[in-house]
Protein backbone atom coordinates (compact mmCIF):
# COMPACT_ATOMS: atom_id res chain seq x y z
CA MET A 1 -8.13 2.20 -10.65
CA GLU A 2 -6.94 5.56 -12.50
CA ARG A 3 -7.53 8.06 -9.56
CA ARG A 4 -6.15 5.90 -7.03
CA ASN A 5 -3.02 4.95 -9.20
CA VAL A 6 -2.15 9.16 -10.42
CA GLU A 7 -2.31 8.89 -6.43
CA ALA A 8 0.16 6.91 -6.28
CA GLN A 9 2.61 8.14 -8.59
CA ASP A 10 1.93 12.47 -6.72
CA ALA A 11 2.98 10.39 -3.72
CA HIS A 12 6.45 8.87 -5.31
CA GLU A 13 7.48 11.86 -7.09
CA HIS A 14 6.81 15.20 -5.46
CA ARG A 15 6.89 13.02 -1.85
CA GLY A 16 9.13 11.43 0.75
CA PRO A 17 8.73 7.69 1.42
CA ASP A 18 5.90 8.70 4.33
CA ALA A 19 4.08 9.27 1.59
CA ILE A 20 4.34 6.33 -0.38
CA ASP A 21 3.83 4.45 2.82
CA HIS A 22 1.25 5.91 2.92
CA ALA A 23 0.03 5.72 -1.12
CA VAL A 24 0.70 2.03 -0.32
CA TYR A 25 -1.23 1.82 3.46
CA CYS A 26 -4.06 2.96 1.15
CA LEU A 27 -4.05 0.60 -2.19
CA LEU A 28 -4.46 -3.21 0.78
CA SER A 29 -6.76 -0.82 2.53
CA VAL A 30 -9.78 0.18 0.66
CA ARG A 31 -12.56 -1.95 2.03
CA ASP A 32 -14.99 -2.36 -1.14
CA GLU A 33 -11.77 -3.45 -3.10
CA GLN A 34 -9.83 -5.87 -0.70
CA ARG A 35 -7.14 -8.68 -1.98
CA PRO A 36 -3.57 -9.71 -1.89
CA TRP A 37 -1.66 -7.61 -4.51
CA SER A 38 1.31 -8.54 -5.71
CA VAL A 39 4.54 -6.56 -4.66
CA HIS A 40 4.75 -6.02 -8.47
CA GLU A 41 1.34 -4.63 -8.77
CA ILE A 42 1.66 -2.09 -5.59
CA GLY A 43 5.24 -1.44 -8.20
CA LEU A 44 3.25 -0.66 -11.47
CA GLU A 45 0.65 0.92 -9.12
CA ILE A 46 3.40 4.07 -7.33
CA GLY A 47 6.01 4.20 -9.91
CA ASP A 48 8.83 1.98 -8.73
CA HIS A 49 9.34 -1.58 -7.71
CA VAL A 50 12.64 -0.78 -5.26
CA ASP A 51 10.37 2.00 -3.17
CA ALA A 52 6.45 -0.77 -3.66
CA HIS A 53 9.67 -3.48 -1.82
CA ASP A 54 10.42 -0.30 1.20
CA ALA A 55 7.17 0.00 1.67
CA VAL A 56 5.48 -3.09 2.41
CA ARG A 57 9.05 -3.84 4.85
CA HIS A 58 7.47 -0.58 6.39
CA LEU A 59 3.38 -1.61 6.06
CA GLN A 60 5.59 -5.19 7.80
CA GLY A 61 7.17 -3.99 10.90
CA ALA A 62 4.27 -1.26 11.63
CA GLY A 63 1.88 -4.69 11.96
CA LEU A 64 -0.15 -3.18 8.79
CA ALA A 65 0.82 -5.67 6.82
CA HIS A 66 0.88 -9.59 5.93
CA GLU A 67 3.19 -10.70 3.21
CA CYS A 68 2.84 -14.33 1.39
CA GLY A 69 4.64 -15.61 -1.58
CA GLY A 70 4.91 -12.13 -3.51
CA PHE A 71 0.74 -10.83 -2.60
CA VAL A 72 0.08 -8.61 -0.06
CA TRP A 73 -2.75 -7.41 1.84
CA ALA A 74 -3.26 -5.90 4.71
CA THR A 75 -3.79 -6.57 9.22
CA ARG A 76 -6.77 -7.40 10.12
CA ALA A 77 -5.78 -4.65 12.74
CA ALA A 78 -5.14 -2.30 9.85
CA LEU A 79 -8.28 -2.81 8.02
CA THR A 80 -10.46 -2.03 11.96
CA ALA A 81 -8.11 0.60 12.32
CA GLU A 82 -9.47 2.54 9.08
CA ALA A 83 -13.23 1.52 9.76
CA MET A 84 -12.74 4.47 12.65
CA ASN A 85 -11.10 6.80 10.14
CA GLY A 86 -13.58 6.70 7.66
């Protein structure tokens, strides 16, 4: 978990919104750790709660994430695409 946290915070500190969206996508699509994430947890991982909310909205708009009650998870399409690329 520590390595993901460092990578997510690095995306926030040194790159733009696309890198933040990608970091959040990576958090959601780790095959061995599939679970709903709270938007708050994502904010802690990337170091900014506003950027976390923005990234979740971008991923939802692209059909890569679902959100319900403050929890977020990768869509089946996102997981399938990740498996095909991995």
